[in-house]
C-alpha atoms as a PDB file:
ATOM      1  CA  MET A   1      32.053 -80.091  20.106  1.00  0.00           C
ATOM      2  CA  VAL A   2      34.021 -77.026  21.107  1.00  0.00           C
ATOM      3  CA  VAL A   3      33.553 -75.506  17.667  1.00  0.00           C
ATOM      4  CA  ILE A   4      29.794 -76.000  17.891  1.00  0.00           C
ATOM      5  CA  THR A   5      29.709 -74.451  21.373  1.00  0.00           C
ATOM      6  CA  ILE A   6      31.694 -71.441  20.168  1.00  0.00           C
ATOM      7  CA  ALA A   7      29.512 -71.048  17.062  1.00  0.00           C
ATOM      8  CA  VAL A   8      26.272 -71.161  19.050  1.00  0.00           C
ATOM      9  CA  ALA A   9      27.666 -68.769  21.656  1.00  0.00           C
ATOM     10  CA  TRP A  10      28.743 -66.392  18.873  1.00  0.00           C
ATOM     11  CA  VAL A  11      25.254 -66.424  17.358  1.00  0.00           C
ATOM     12  CA  VAL A  12      23.620 -65.855  20.751  1.00  0.00           C
ATOM     13  CA  VAL A  13      26.073 -63.302  22.171  1.00  0.00           C
ATOM     14  CA  GLY A  14      27.201 -61.660  18.942  1.00  0.00           C
ATOM     15  CA  ASP A  15      30.802 -61.210  20.138  1.00  0.00           C
ATOM     16  CA  ILE A  16      33.535 -63.590  18.990  1.00  0.00           C
ATOM     17  CA  GLU A  17      35.794 -62.918  21.991  1.00  0.00           C
ATOM     18  CA  ALA A  18      33.002 -63.712  24.440  1.00  0.00           C
ATOM     19  CA  ALA A  19      32.098 -66.791  22.387  1.00  0.00           C
ATOM     20  CA  LEU A  20      35.695 -68.039  22.541  1.00  0.00           C
ATOM     21  CA  ASN A  21      35.744 -67.496  26.302  1.00  0.00           C
ATOM     22  CA  ILE A  22      32.488 -69.400  26.674  1.00  0.00           C
ATOM     23  CA  GLY A  23      33.862 -72.244  24.547  1.00  0.00           C
ATOM     24  CA  VAL A  24      37.063 -72.522  26.566  1.00  0.00           C
ATOM     25  CA  VAL A  25      35.343 -72.306  29.952  1.00  0.00           C
ATOM     26  CA  THR A  26      32.676 -74.860  29.089  1.00  0.00           C
ATOM     27  CA  ASN A  27      35.315 -77.241  27.725  1.00  0.00           C
ATOM     28  CA  LEU A  28      37.349 -76.944  30.934  1.00  0.00           C
ATOM     29  CA  LEU A  29      34.235 -77.491  33.062  1.00  0.00           C
ATOM     30  CA  LYS A  30      33.202 -80.547  31.030  1.00  0.00           C
ATOM     31  CA  THR A  31      36.705 -82.016  31.260  1.00  0.00           C
ATOM     32  CA  GLY A  32      36.854 -81.443  35.017  1.00  0.00           C
ATOM     33  CA  THR A  33      33.401 -82.906  35.534  1.00  0.00           C
ATOM     34  CA  TYR A  34      34.284 -85.984  33.476  1.00  0.00           C
ATOM     35  CA  TYR A  35      37.511 -86.496  35.447  1.00  0.00           C
ATOM     36  CA  ILE A  36      35.709 -86.280  38.812  1.00  0.00           C
ATOM     37  CA  TYR A  37      32.919 -88.573  37.576  1.00  0.00           C
ATOM     38  CA  GLU A  38      35.399 -91.227  36.452  1.00  0.00           C
ATOM     39  CA  ARG A  39      37.373 -90.984  39.716  1.00  0.00           C
ATOM     40  CA  MET A  40      34.136 -91.558  41.651  1.00  0.00           C
ATOM     41  CA  TRP A  41      33.272 -94.615  39.546  1.00  0.00           C
ATOM     42  CA  ASP A  42      36.711 -96.092  40.271  1.00  0.00           C
ATOM     43  CA  HIS A  43      35.635 -96.414  43.909  1.00  0.00           C
ATOM     44  CA  VAL A  44      32.395 -98.288  43.113  1.00  0.00           C
ATOM     45  CA  THR A  45      32.754-102.002  43.781  1.00  0.00           C
ATOM     46  CA  TRP A  46      29.337-103.327  42.716  1.00  0.00           C
ATOM     47  CA  GLY A  47      29.565-106.283  40.395  1.00  0.00           C
ATOM     48  CA  VAL A  48      33.353-106.350  40.434  1.00  0.00           C
ATOM     49  CA  PRO A  49      34.718-109.795  41.307  1.00  0.00           C
ATOM     50  CA  SER A  50      36.933-109.881  44.385  1.00  0.00           C
ATOM     51  CA  THR A  51      40.612-110.520  43.648  1.00  0.00           C
ATOM     52  CA  LYS A  52      41.370-111.914  47.123  1.00  0.00           C
END
């Protein structure tokens, strides 16, 4: 996925350094968003049987 993001950014921007920066930043943002999303779902208790 990162390679595709970098390739598309390179075609759009026309600068490989900027494309690499875009690829790295978007990957970090996606990873951070996924981590936060999963942490939020860990607190959801719907449909989870009680262990008490």
